[in-house]
Amino acid sequence: MERKIYRSTTDKKLSGVCAGIANYVNADVTIVRLLWAVITFMTGCITGVILYVICALIIPEEPEYYDADYKEKL
């Protein structure tokens, strides 16, 4: 089955981008958030913020029937 990336609706701080990426790559969401913050500050803040906004606009929210634990439709 094809896996898709979704913004998280349950584990989000701003718009769920980092939680969605963490679910997609099966990683801890805290690690993804820390990496995003470090990369954002290392590249001068603007790049990371713009990339986050673009991801928030492009990546769809996870549907209600989506179970992130199983990474598939129920």
PDB file of N, CA and C in Angstrom:
ATOM      1  N   MET A   1       0.841  -1.183   0.000  1.00  0.00           N
ATOM      2  CA  MET A   1       0.000   0.000   0.000  1.00  0.00           C
ATOM      3  C   MET A   1       0.885   1.246   0.000  1.00  0.00           C
ATOM      4  N   GLU A   2       0.497   2.219  -0.744  1.00  0.00           N
ATOM      5  CA  GLU A   2       1.242   3.464  -0.861  1.00  0.00           C
ATOM      6  C   GLU A   2       1.035   4.333   0.378  1.00  0.00           C
ATOM      7  N   ARG A   3       2.153   4.764   0.984  1.00  0.00           N
ATOM      8  CA  ARG A   3       2.070   5.643   2.153  1.00  0.00           C
ATOM      9  C   ARG A   3       2.030   7.085   1.687  1.00  0.00           C
ATOM     10  N   LYS A   4       1.264   7.890   2.399  1.00  0.00           N
ATOM     11  CA  LYS A   4       1.163   9.316   2.093  1.00  0.00           C
ATOM     12  C   LYS A   4       1.517  10.102   3.332  1.00  0.00           C
ATOM     13  N   ILE A   5       1.997  11.312   3.116  1.00  0.00           N
ATOM     14  CA  ILE A   5       2.341  12.181   4.229  1.00  0.00           C
ATOM     15  C   ILE A   5       1.165  13.104   4.513  1.00  0.00           C
ATOM     16  N   TYR A   6       0.843  13.252   5.787  1.00  0.00           N
ATOM     17  CA  TYR A   6      -0.236  14.120   6.227  1.00  0.00           C
ATOM     18  C   TYR A   6       0.239  14.977   7.389  1.00  0.00           C
ATOM     19  N   ARG A   7      -0.332  16.169   7.512  1.00  0.00           N
ATOM     20  CA  ARG A   7      -0.108  16.969   8.722  1.00  0.00           C
ATOM     21  C   ARG A   7      -0.928  16.353   9.846  1.00  0.00           C
ATOM     22  N   SER A   8      -0.345  16.268  11.014  1.00  0.00           N
ATOM     23  CA  SER A   8      -1.031  15.673  12.144  1.00  0.00           C
ATOM     24  C   SER A   8      -2.109  16.616  12.674  1.00  0.00           C
ATOM     25  N   THR A   9      -3.229  16.037  13.050  1.00  0.00           N
ATOM     26  CA  THR A   9      -4.290  16.835  13.676  1.00  0.00           C
ATOM     27  C   THR A   9      -4.319  16.624  15.183  1.00  0.00           C
ATOM     28  N   THR A  10      -3.611  15.615  15.674  1.00  0.00           N
ATOM     29  CA  THR A  10      -3.642  15.313  17.099  1.00  0.00           C
ATOM     30  C   THR A  10      -2.382  15.739  17.834  1.00  0.00           C
ATOM     31  N   ASP A  11      -1.231  15.657  17.189  1.00  0.00           N
ATOM     32  CA  ASP A  11       0.044  15.958  17.843  1.00  0.00           C
ATOM     33  C   ASP A  11       0.700  17.144  17.149  1.00  0.00           C
ATOM     34  N   LYS A  12       0.104  18.312  17.289  1.00  0.00           N
ATOM     35  CA  LYS A  12       0.640  19.470  16.588  1.00  0.00           C
ATOM     36  C   LYS A  12       0.910  20.609  17.558  1.00  0.00           C
ATOM     37  N   LYS A  13       1.911  21.399  17.232  1.00  0.00           N
ATOM     38  CA  LYS A  13       2.223  22.603  17.996  1.00  0.00           C
ATOM     39  C   LYS A  13       1.773  23.834  17.206  1.00  0.00           C
ATOM     40  N   LEU A  14       2.104  23.890  15.934  1.00  0.00           N
ATOM     41  CA  LEU A  14       1.647  24.985  15.075  1.00  0.00           C
ATOM     42  C   LEU A  14       0.619  24.469  14.079  1.00  0.00           C
ATOM     43  N   SER A  15       1.093  23.744  13.082  1.00  0.00           N
ATOM     44  CA  SER A  15       0.136  23.232  12.099  1.00  0.00           C
ATOM     45  C   SER A  15       0.274  21.732  11.867  1.00  0.00           C
ATOM     46  N   GLY A  16       1.163  21.058  12.573  1.00  0.00           N
ATOM     47  CA  GLY A  16       1.285  19.610  12.467  1.00  0.00           C
ATOM     48  C   GLY A  16       2.265  19.110  11.438  1.00  0.00           C
ATOM     49  N   VAL A  17       3.080  19.987  10.864  1.00  0.00           N
ATOM     50  CA  VAL A  17       4.025  19.584   9.824  1.00  0.00           C
ATOM     51  C   VAL A  17       5.082  18.635  10.380  1.00  0.00           C
ATOM     52  N   CYS A  18       5.726  18.999  11.470  1.00  0.00           N
ATOM     53  CA  CYS A  18       6.794  18.161  12.030  1.00  0.00           C
ATOM     54  C   CYS A  18       6.243  16.822  12.510  1.00  0.00           C
ATOM     55  N   ALA A  19       5.075  16.820  13.118  1.00  0.00           N
ATOM     56  CA  ALA A  19       4.464  15.567  13.563  1.00  0.00           C
ATOM     57  C   ALA A  19       4.113  14.687  12.369  1.00  0.00           C
ATOM     58  N   GLY A  20       3.652  15.289  11.301  1.00  0.00           N
ATOM     59  CA  GLY A  20       3.345  14.523  10.097  1.00  0.00           C
ATOM     60  C   GLY A  20       4.591  13.924   9.469  1.00  0.00           C
ATOM     61  N   ILE A  21       5.667  14.692   9.438  1.00  0.00           N
ATOM     62  CA  ILE A  21       6.932  14.180   8.909  1.00  0.00           C
ATOM     63  C   ILE A  21       7.444  13.055   9.799  1.00  0.00           C
ATOM     64  N   ALA A  22       7.352  13.221  11.110  1.00  0.00           N
ATOM     65  CA  ALA A  22       7.797  12.185  12.041  1.00  0.00           C
ATOM     66  C   ALA A  22       6.990  10.897  11.863  1.00  0.00           C
ATOM     67  N   ASN A  23       5.681  11.025  11.690  1.00  0.00           N
ATOM     68  CA  ASN A  23       4.857   9.836  11.438  1.00  0.00           C
ATOM     69  C   ASN A  23       5.241   9.168  10.134  1.00  0.00           C
ATOM     70  N   TYR A  24       5.544   9.941   9.123  1.00  0.00           N
ATOM     71  CA  TYR A  24       5.875   9.394   7.803  1.00  0.00           C
ATOM     72  C   TYR A  24       7.186   8.620   7.822  1.00  0.00           C
ATOM     73  N   VAL A  25       8.202   9.150   8.523  1.00  0.00           N
ATOM     74  CA  VAL A  25       9.509   8.487   8.557  1.00  0.00           C
ATOM     75  C   VAL A  25       9.671   7.593   9.784  1.00  0.00           C
ATOM     76  N   ASN A  26       8.601   7.463  10.582  1.00  0.00           N
ATOM     77  CA  ASN A  26       8.593   6.625  11.769  1.00  0.00           C
ATOM     78  C   ASN A  26       9.697   7.041  12.749  1.00  0.00           C
ATOM     79  N   ALA A  27       9.716   8.310  13.084  1.00  0.00           N
ATOM     80  CA  ALA A  27      10.702   8.871  14.005  1.00  0.00           C
ATOM     81  C   ALA A  27       9.983   9.572  15.151  1.00  0.00           C
ATOM     82  N   ASP A  28      10.730   9.900  16.181  1.00  0.00           N
ATOM     83  CA  ASP A  28      10.174  10.630  17.311  1.00  0.00           C
ATOM     84  C   ASP A  28       9.921  12.079  16.894  1.00  0.00           C
ATOM     85  N   VAL A  29       8.756  12.588  17.206  1.00  0.00           N
ATOM     86  CA  VAL A  29       8.380  13.940  16.790  1.00  0.00           C
ATOM     87  C   VAL A  29       9.288  14.990  17.431  1.00  0.00           C
ATOM     88  N   THR A  30       9.767  14.750  18.637  1.00  0.00           N
ATOM     89  CA  THR A  30      10.655  15.704  19.302  1.00  0.00           C
ATOM     90  C   THR A  30      11.968  15.852  18.531  1.00  0.00           C
ATOM     91  N   ILE A  31      12.491  14.754  18.031  1.00  0.00           N
ATOM     92  CA  ILE A  31      13.730  14.798  17.243  1.00  0.00           C
ATOM     93  C   ILE A  31      13.511  15.600  15.969  1.00  0.00           C
ATOM     94  N   VAL A  32      12.399  15.384  15.303  1.00  0.00           N
ATOM     95  CA  VAL A  32      12.108  16.118  14.065  1.00  0.00           C
ATOM     96  C   VAL A  32      11.975  17.608  14.354  1.00  0.00           C
ATOM     97  N   ARG A  33      11.291  17.960  15.439  1.00  0.00           N
ATOM     98  CA  ARG A  33      11.135  19.367  15.794  1.00  0.00           C
ATOM     99  C   ARG A  33      12.475  20.017  16.123  1.00  0.00           C
ATOM    100  N   LEU A  34      13.316  19.305  16.863  1.00  0.00           N
ATOM    101  CA  LEU A  34      14.643  19.842  17.189  1.00  0.00           C
ATOM    102  C   LEU A  34      15.496  20.019  15.939  1.00  0.00           C
ATOM    103  N   LEU A  35      15.478  19.035  15.052  1.00  0.00           N
ATOM    104  CA  LEU A  35      16.240  19.155  13.803  1.00  0.00           C
ATOM    105  C   LEU A  35      15.738  20.326  12.964  1.00  0.00           C
ATOM    106  N   TRP A  36      14.418  20.484  12.897  1.00  0.00           N
ATOM    107  CA  TRP A  36      13.846  21.598  12.126  1.00  0.00           C
ATOM    108  C   TRP A  36      14.305  22.931  12.717  1.00  0.00           C
ATOM    109  N   ALA A  37      14.286  23.045  14.052  1.00  0.00           N
ATOM    110  CA  ALA A  37      14.702  24.291  14.706  1.00  0.00           C
ATOM    111  C   ALA A  37      16.177  24.570  14.471  1.00  0.00           C
ATOM    112  N   VAL A  38      17.019  23.546  14.598  1.00  0.00           N
ATOM    113  CA  VAL A  38      18.461  23.738  14.390  1.00  0.00           C
ATOM    114  C   VAL A  38      18.745  24.145  12.952  1.00  0.00           C
ATOM    115  N   ILE A  39      18.143  23.460  12.010  1.00  0.00           N
ATOM    116  CA  ILE A  39      18.356  23.799  10.593  1.00  0.00           C
ATOM    117  C   ILE A  39      17.834  25.202  10.289  1.00  0.00           C
ATOM    118  N   THR A  40      16.699  25.563  10.884  1.00  0.00           N
ATOM    119  CA  THR A  40      16.136  26.903  10.673  1.00  0.00           C
ATOM    120  C   THR A  40      17.089  27.979  11.173  1.00  0.00           C
ATOM    121  N   PHE A  41      17.625  27.814  12.365  1.00  0.00           N
ATOM    122  CA  PHE A  41      18.537  28.827  12.909  1.00  0.00           C
ATOM    123  C   PHE A  41      19.882  28.833  12.195  1.00  0.00           C
ATOM    124  N   MET A  42      20.323  27.692  11.701  1.00  0.00           N
ATOM    125  CA  MET A  42      21.605  27.632  10.987  1.00  0.00           C
ATOM    126  C   MET A  42      21.519  28.273   9.602  1.00  0.00           C
ATOM    127  N   THR A  43      20.331  28.307   9.023  1.00  0.00           N
ATOM    128  CA  THR A  43      20.180  28.879   7.685  1.00  0.00           C
ATOM    129  C   THR A  43      19.651  30.305   7.708  1.00  0.00           C
ATOM    130  N   GLY A  44      19.591  30.905   8.878  1.00  0.00           N
ATOM    131  CA  GLY A  44      19.192  32.302   8.948  1.00  0.00           C
ATOM    132  C   GLY A  44      17.715  32.533   9.177  1.00  0.00           C
ATOM    133  N   CYS A  45      17.020  31.595   9.740  1.00  0.00           N
ATOM    134  CA  CYS A  45      15.614  31.685  10.157  1.00  0.00           C
ATOM    135  C   CYS A  45      14.614  31.828   9.014  1.00  0.00           C
ATOM    136  N   ILE A  46      14.848  32.703   8.088  1.00  0.00           N
ATOM    137  CA  ILE A  46      13.853  32.959   7.036  1.00  0.00           C
ATOM    138  C   ILE A  46      13.595  31.715   6.197  1.00  0.00           C
ATOM    139  N   THR A  47      14.645  30.976   5.850  1.00  0.00           N
ATOM    140  CA  THR A  47      14.488  29.792   5.006  1.00  0.00           C
ATOM    141  C   THR A  47      13.607  28.747   5.678  1.00  0.00           C
ATOM    142  N   GLY A  48      13.869  28.459   6.945  1.00  0.00           N
ATOM    143  CA  GLY A  48      13.089  27.465   7.662  1.00  0.00           C
ATOM    144  C   GLY A  48      11.645  27.870   7.851  1.00  0.00           C
ATOM    145  N   VAL A  49      11.424  29.140   8.124  1.00  0.00           N
ATOM    146  CA  VAL A  49      10.051  29.634   8.320  1.00  0.00           C
ATOM    147  C   VAL A  49       9.279  29.565   7.002  1.00  0.00           C
ATOM    148  N   ILE A  50       9.894  29.994   5.929  1.00  0.00           N
ATOM    149  CA  ILE A  50       9.229  29.949   4.619  1.00  0.00           C
ATOM    150  C   ILE A  50       8.944  28.507   4.222  1.00  0.00           C
ATOM    151  N   LEU A  51       9.910  27.608   4.445  1.00  0.00           N
ATOM    152  CA  LEU A  51       9.714  26.201   4.115  1.00  0.00           C
ATOM    153  C   LEU A  51       8.589  25.592   4.953  1.00  0.00           C
ATOM    154  N   TYR A  52       8.509  25.970   6.231  1.00  0.00           N
ATOM    155  CA  TYR A  52       7.439  25.465   7.095  1.00  0.00           C
ATOM    156  C   TYR A  52       6.068  25.936   6.595  1.00  0.00           C
ATOM    157  N   VAL A  53       5.972  27.198   6.225  1.00  0.00           N
ATOM    158  CA  VAL A  53       4.699  27.734   5.718  1.00  0.00           C
ATOM    159  C   VAL A  53       4.309  27.031   4.421  1.00  0.00           C
ATOM    160  N   ILE A  54       5.274  26.807   3.549  1.00  0.00           N
ATOM    161  CA  ILE A  54       4.989  26.104   2.293  1.00  0.00           C
ATOM    162  C   ILE A  54       4.507  24.689   2.577  1.00  0.00           C
ATOM    163  N   CYS A  55       5.181  23.993   3.495  1.00  0.00           N
ATOM    164  CA  CYS A  55       4.758  22.636   3.853  1.00  0.00           C
ATOM    165  C   CYS A  55       3.368  22.638   4.464  1.00  0.00           C
ATOM    166  N   ALA A  56       3.072  23.620   5.310  1.00  0.00           N
ATOM    167  CA  ALA A  56       1.750  23.705   5.936  1.00  0.00           C
ATOM    168  C   ALA A  56       0.657  23.939   4.902  1.00  0.00           C
ATOM    169  N   LEU A  57       0.981  24.640   3.830  1.00  0.00           N
ATOM    170  CA  LEU A  57      -0.005  24.894   2.786  1.00  0.00           C
ATOM    171  C   LEU A  57      -0.166  23.714   1.828  1.00  0.00           C
ATOM    172  N   ILE A  58       0.913  22.964   1.586  1.00  0.00           N
ATOM    173  CA  ILE A  58       0.893  21.898   0.587  1.00  0.00           C
ATOM    174  C   ILE A  58       0.474  20.549   1.162  1.00  0.00           C
ATOM    175  N   ILE A  59       0.992  20.195   2.345  1.00  0.00           N
ATOM    176  CA  ILE A  59       0.708  18.883   2.929  1.00  0.00           C
ATOM    177  C   ILE A  59      -0.719  18.894   3.495  1.00  0.00           C
ATOM    178  N   PRO A  60      -1.547  17.950   3.074  1.00  0.00           N
ATOM    179  CA  PRO A  60      -2.938  17.933   3.573  1.00  0.00           C
ATOM    180  C   PRO A  60      -3.014  17.424   5.012  1.00  0.00           C
ATOM    181  N   GLU A  61      -4.072  17.807   5.715  1.00  0.00           N
ATOM    182  CA  GLU A  61      -4.317  17.283   7.059  1.00  0.00           C
ATOM    183  C   GLU A  61      -4.721  15.822   6.952  1.00  0.00           C
ATOM    184  N   GLU A  62      -4.362  15.052   7.981  1.00  0.00           N
ATOM    185  CA  GLU A  62      -4.738  13.646   7.946  1.00  0.00           C
ATOM    186  C   GLU A  62      -6.256  13.516   8.049  1.00  0.00           C
ATOM    187  N   PRO A  63      -6.831  12.631   7.250  1.00  0.00           N
ATOM    188  CA  PRO A  63      -8.279  12.432   7.312  1.00  0.00           C
ATOM    189  C   PRO A  63      -8.663  11.738   8.618  1.00  0.00           C
ATOM    190  N   GLU A  64      -9.932  11.785   8.958  1.00  0.00           N
ATOM    191  CA  GLU A  64     -10.390  11.189  10.213  1.00  0.00           C
ATOM    192  C   GLU A  64     -10.245   9.679  10.223  1.00  0.00           C
ATOM    193  N   TYR A  65     -10.300   9.047   9.076  1.00  0.00           N
ATOM    194  CA  TYR A  65     -10.201   7.588   9.007  1.00  0.00           C
ATOM    195  C   TYR A  65      -8.762   7.101   8.980  1.00  0.00           C
ATOM    196  N   TYR A  66      -7.794   8.005   9.087  1.00  0.00           N
ATOM    197  CA  TYR A  66      -6.377   7.645   9.008  1.00  0.00           C
ATOM    198  C   TYR A  66      -5.837   7.344  10.396  1.00  0.00           C
ATOM    199  N   ASP A  67      -5.210   6.199  10.577  1.00  0.00           N
ATOM    200  CA  ASP A  67      -4.602   5.823  11.849  1.00  0.00           C
ATOM    201  C   ASP A  67      -3.092   5.895  11.708  1.00  0.00           C
ATOM    202  N   ALA A  68      -2.472   6.864  12.350  1.00  0.00           N
ATOM    203  CA  ALA A  68      -1.040   7.097  12.201  1.00  0.00           C
ATOM    204  C   ALA A  68      -0.213   5.950  12.758  1.00  0.00           C
ATOM    205  N   ASP A  69      -0.758   5.176  13.697  1.00  0.00           N
ATOM    206  CA  ASP A  69      -0.014   4.049  14.249  1.00  0.00           C
ATOM    207  C   ASP A  69       0.182   2.943  13.232  1.00  0.00           C
ATOM    208  N   TYR A  70      -0.798   2.779  12.366  1.00  0.00           N
ATOM    209  CA  TYR A  70      -0.721   1.707  11.374  1.00  0.00           C
ATOM    210  C   TYR A  70      -0.334   2.222  10.003  1.00  0.00           C
ATOM    211  N   LYS A  71      -0.315   3.504   9.797  1.00  0.00           N
ATOM    212  CA  LYS A  71       0.076   4.138   8.541  1.00  0.00           C
ATOM    213  C   LYS A  71      -0.779   3.655   7.359  1.00  0.00           C
ATOM    214  N   GLU A  72      -2.030   3.380   7.621  1.00  0.00           N
ATOM    215  CA  GLU A  72      -2.898   2.953   6.543  1.00  0.00           C
ATOM    216  C   GLU A  72      -4.336   3.364   6.839  1.00  0.00           C
ATOM    217  N   LYS A  73      -5.151   3.287   5.812  1.00  0.00           N
ATOM    218  CA  LYS A  73      -6.560   3.604   5.985  1.00  0.00           C
ATOM    219  C   LYS A  73      -7.242   2.457   6.722  1.00  0.00           C
ATOM    220  N   LEU A  74      -8.171   2.817   7.571  1.00  0.00           N
ATOM    221  CA  LEU A  74      -8.928   1.780   8.291  1.00  0.00           C
ATOM    222  C   LEU A  74     -10.093   1.318   7.466  1.00  0.00           C
TER     223      LEU A  74
END
